[in-house]
Amino acid sequence: MLRFLWRASKGYRLTPWRSPYLRWRIETYSGLEASEIRAGDFWKLLWRARRELARFLHWAARMSA
């Protein structure tokens, strides 16, 4: 589960909201414009969608195993 997060935030581990990949994923999931995503938006979305994110991370871990 942590492996996906580590890979997805490569190069942006201290500021994951700046990652082009994560911005694209957030844009397709939430509809927020990728260029408008800021730190607060990122953390609000993670908190609001924490169950769906946990389910996705478990799925990603199963797929990589």
N, C-alpha and C. Protein backbone atom coordinates (compact mmCIF):
# COMPACT_ATOMS: atom_id res chain seq x y z
N MET A 1 0.82 -1.19 0.00
CA MET A 1 0.00 0.00 0.00
C MET A 1 0.87 1.25 0.00
N LEU A 2 1.86 1.28 0.83
CA LEU A 2 2.74 2.44 0.87
C LEU A 2 3.62 2.52 -0.37
N ARG A 3 3.84 1.38 -1.01
CA ARG A 3 4.67 1.35 -2.21
C ARG A 3 4.07 2.23 -3.30
N PHE A 4 2.74 2.14 -3.48
CA PHE A 4 2.09 2.97 -4.50
C PHE A 4 2.26 4.45 -4.17
N LEU A 5 2.02 4.82 -2.92
CA LEU A 5 2.17 6.22 -2.53
C LEU A 5 3.59 6.71 -2.76
N TRP A 6 4.55 5.86 -2.45
CA TRP A 6 5.96 6.22 -2.63
C TRP A 6 6.27 6.45 -4.11
N ARG A 7 5.78 5.55 -4.96
CA ARG A 7 6.02 5.68 -6.40
C ARG A 7 5.27 6.86 -7.00
N ALA A 8 4.03 7.05 -6.60
CA ALA A 8 3.19 8.10 -7.18
C ALA A 8 3.69 9.50 -6.84
N SER A 9 4.39 9.63 -5.72
CA SER A 9 4.85 10.96 -5.30
C SER A 9 6.34 11.16 -5.59
N LYS A 10 6.92 10.32 -6.43
CA LYS A 10 8.34 10.41 -6.75
C LYS A 10 8.70 11.82 -7.23
N GLY A 11 9.69 12.40 -6.60
CA GLY A 11 10.13 13.74 -6.94
C GLY A 11 9.35 14.84 -6.24
N TYR A 12 8.24 14.45 -5.61
CA TYR A 12 7.37 15.44 -4.95
C TYR A 12 6.94 14.92 -3.57
N ARG A 13 7.79 14.18 -2.90
CA ARG A 13 7.38 13.52 -1.66
C ARG A 13 7.05 14.47 -0.54
N LEU A 14 7.66 15.62 -0.49
CA LEU A 14 7.32 16.59 0.55
C LEU A 14 6.19 17.51 0.13
N THR A 15 5.90 17.57 -1.15
CA THR A 15 4.81 18.39 -1.68
C THR A 15 4.03 17.59 -2.73
N PRO A 16 3.30 16.57 -2.30
CA PRO A 16 2.63 15.69 -3.27
C PRO A 16 1.58 16.39 -4.14
N TRP A 17 1.02 17.51 -3.69
CA TRP A 17 0.03 18.23 -4.49
C TRP A 17 0.65 18.86 -5.73
N ARG A 18 1.96 18.90 -5.83
CA ARG A 18 2.63 19.45 -7.02
C ARG A 18 2.97 18.37 -8.05
N SER A 19 2.79 17.12 -7.70
CA SER A 19 3.09 16.02 -8.60
C SER A 19 2.14 16.03 -9.79
N PRO A 20 2.67 16.07 -11.02
CA PRO A 20 1.79 16.05 -12.20
C PRO A 20 0.89 14.81 -12.24
N TYR A 21 1.42 13.67 -11.84
CA TYR A 21 0.62 12.45 -11.85
C TYR A 21 -0.52 12.54 -10.84
N LEU A 22 -0.22 12.95 -9.62
CA LEU A 22 -1.27 13.05 -8.62
C LEU A 22 -2.27 14.15 -8.96
N ARG A 23 -1.81 15.23 -9.55
CA ARG A 23 -2.74 16.28 -9.99
C ARG A 23 -3.71 15.73 -11.03
N TRP A 24 -3.19 14.97 -11.95
CA TRP A 24 -4.03 14.37 -12.98
C TRP A 24 -5.05 13.42 -12.36
N ARG A 25 -4.60 12.59 -11.40
CA ARG A 25 -5.51 11.65 -10.73
C ARG A 25 -6.58 12.40 -9.96
N ILE A 26 -6.20 13.46 -9.27
CA ILE A 26 -7.17 14.25 -8.50
C ILE A 26 -8.16 14.91 -9.45
N GLU A 27 -7.66 15.42 -10.56
CA GLU A 27 -8.54 16.07 -11.53
C GLU A 27 -9.57 15.09 -12.08
N THR A 28 -9.14 13.88 -12.42
CA THR A 28 -10.07 12.91 -12.98
C THR A 28 -11.03 12.39 -11.92
N TYR A 29 -10.61 12.33 -10.67
CA TYR A 29 -11.47 11.81 -9.60
C TYR A 29 -12.47 12.86 -9.12
N SER A 30 -11.98 14.07 -8.88
CA SER A 30 -12.81 15.08 -8.21
C SER A 30 -13.38 16.14 -9.14
N GLY A 31 -12.76 16.32 -10.30
CA GLY A 31 -13.22 17.37 -11.20
C GLY A 31 -12.55 18.71 -10.96
N LEU A 32 -11.70 18.80 -9.93
CA LEU A 32 -10.94 20.03 -9.72
C LEU A 32 -9.98 20.23 -10.87
N GLU A 33 -9.77 21.46 -11.29
CA GLU A 33 -8.81 21.76 -12.34
C GLU A 33 -7.40 21.50 -11.80
N ALA A 34 -6.59 20.73 -12.52
CA ALA A 34 -5.27 20.33 -12.05
C ALA A 34 -4.38 21.53 -11.73
N SER A 35 -4.47 22.58 -12.53
CA SER A 35 -3.61 23.74 -12.31
C SER A 35 -4.02 24.54 -11.08
N GLU A 36 -5.21 24.29 -10.57
CA GLU A 36 -5.71 25.05 -9.42
C GLU A 36 -5.57 24.31 -8.09
N ILE A 37 -5.04 23.11 -8.09
CA ILE A 37 -4.92 22.31 -6.87
C ILE A 37 -3.79 22.86 -6.01
N ARG A 38 -4.13 23.20 -4.79
CA ARG A 38 -3.16 23.72 -3.81
C ARG A 38 -3.09 22.74 -2.64
N ALA A 39 -2.21 23.00 -1.71
CA ALA A 39 -2.01 22.11 -0.57
C ALA A 39 -3.31 21.88 0.20
N GLY A 40 -4.04 22.95 0.48
CA GLY A 40 -5.29 22.81 1.22
C GLY A 40 -6.30 21.96 0.50
N ASP A 41 -6.40 22.15 -0.81
CA ASP A 41 -7.32 21.33 -1.62
C ASP A 41 -6.93 19.86 -1.56
N PHE A 42 -5.64 19.61 -1.65
CA PHE A 42 -5.11 18.25 -1.62
C PHE A 42 -5.48 17.56 -0.31
N TRP A 43 -5.21 18.22 0.81
CA TRP A 43 -5.47 17.61 2.12
C TRP A 43 -6.97 17.47 2.39
N LYS A 44 -7.77 18.42 1.95
CA LYS A 44 -9.23 18.31 2.11
C LYS A 44 -9.77 17.12 1.34
N LEU A 45 -9.28 16.96 0.12
CA LEU A 45 -9.74 15.83 -0.69
C LEU A 45 -9.31 14.51 -0.07
N LEU A 46 -8.08 14.43 0.41
CA LEU A 46 -7.63 13.19 1.04
C LEU A 46 -8.47 12.86 2.26
N TRP A 47 -8.80 13.85 3.04
CA TRP A 47 -9.60 13.60 4.23
C TRP A 47 -11.02 13.19 3.86
N ARG A 48 -11.61 13.89 2.90
CA ARG A 48 -12.98 13.63 2.49
C ARG A 48 -13.12 12.25 1.82
N ALA A 49 -12.10 11.83 1.09
CA ALA A 49 -12.17 10.57 0.34
C ALA A 49 -11.28 9.50 0.94
N ARG A 50 -11.03 9.57 2.23
CA ARG A 50 -10.07 8.65 2.86
C ARG A 50 -10.47 7.18 2.73
N ARG A 51 -11.75 6.87 2.83
CA ARG A 51 -12.16 5.47 2.70
C ARG A 51 -11.96 4.95 1.29
N GLU A 52 -12.34 5.75 0.31
CA GLU A 52 -12.14 5.35 -1.08
C GLU A 52 -10.65 5.22 -1.39
N LEU A 53 -9.85 6.14 -0.86
CA LEU A 53 -8.40 6.08 -1.05
C LEU A 53 -7.81 4.82 -0.43
N ALA A 54 -8.24 4.49 0.78
CA ALA A 54 -7.75 3.28 1.44
C ALA A 54 -8.13 2.04 0.63
N ARG A 55 -9.36 2.02 0.12
CA ARG A 55 -9.79 0.88 -0.70
C ARG A 55 -8.95 0.79 -1.97
N PHE A 56 -8.66 1.93 -2.61
CA PHE A 56 -7.83 1.93 -3.81
C PHE A 56 -6.41 1.46 -3.50
N LEU A 57 -5.85 1.93 -2.40
CA LEU A 57 -4.48 1.54 -2.05
C LEU A 57 -4.38 0.06 -1.75
N HIS A 58 -5.39 -0.51 -1.11
CA HIS A 58 -5.39 -1.96 -0.88
C HIS A 58 -5.48 -2.71 -2.21
N TRP A 59 -6.30 -2.21 -3.12
CA TRP A 59 -6.41 -2.83 -4.44
C TRP A 59 -5.07 -2.74 -5.17
N ALA A 60 -4.43 -1.58 -5.14
CA ALA A 60 -3.13 -1.40 -5.81
C ALA A 60 -2.08 -2.35 -5.22
N ALA A 61 -2.11 -2.56 -3.93
CA ALA A 61 -1.17 -3.48 -3.29
C ALA A 61 -1.42 -4.91 -3.76
N ARG A 62 -2.69 -5.28 -3.86
CA ARG A 62 -3.00 -6.65 -4.35
C ARG A 62 -2.56 -6.83 -5.79
N MET A 63 -2.74 -5.82 -6.62
CA MET A 63 -2.36 -5.92 -8.03
C MET A 63 -0.86 -5.99 -8.22
N SER A 64 -0.09 -5.34 -7.36
CA SER A 64 1.37 -5.36 -7.51
C SER A 64 1.99 -6.61 -6.88
N ALA A 65 1.21 -7.34 -6.11
CA ALA A 65 1.74 -8.57 -5.46
C ALA A 65 1.72 -9.75 -6.41
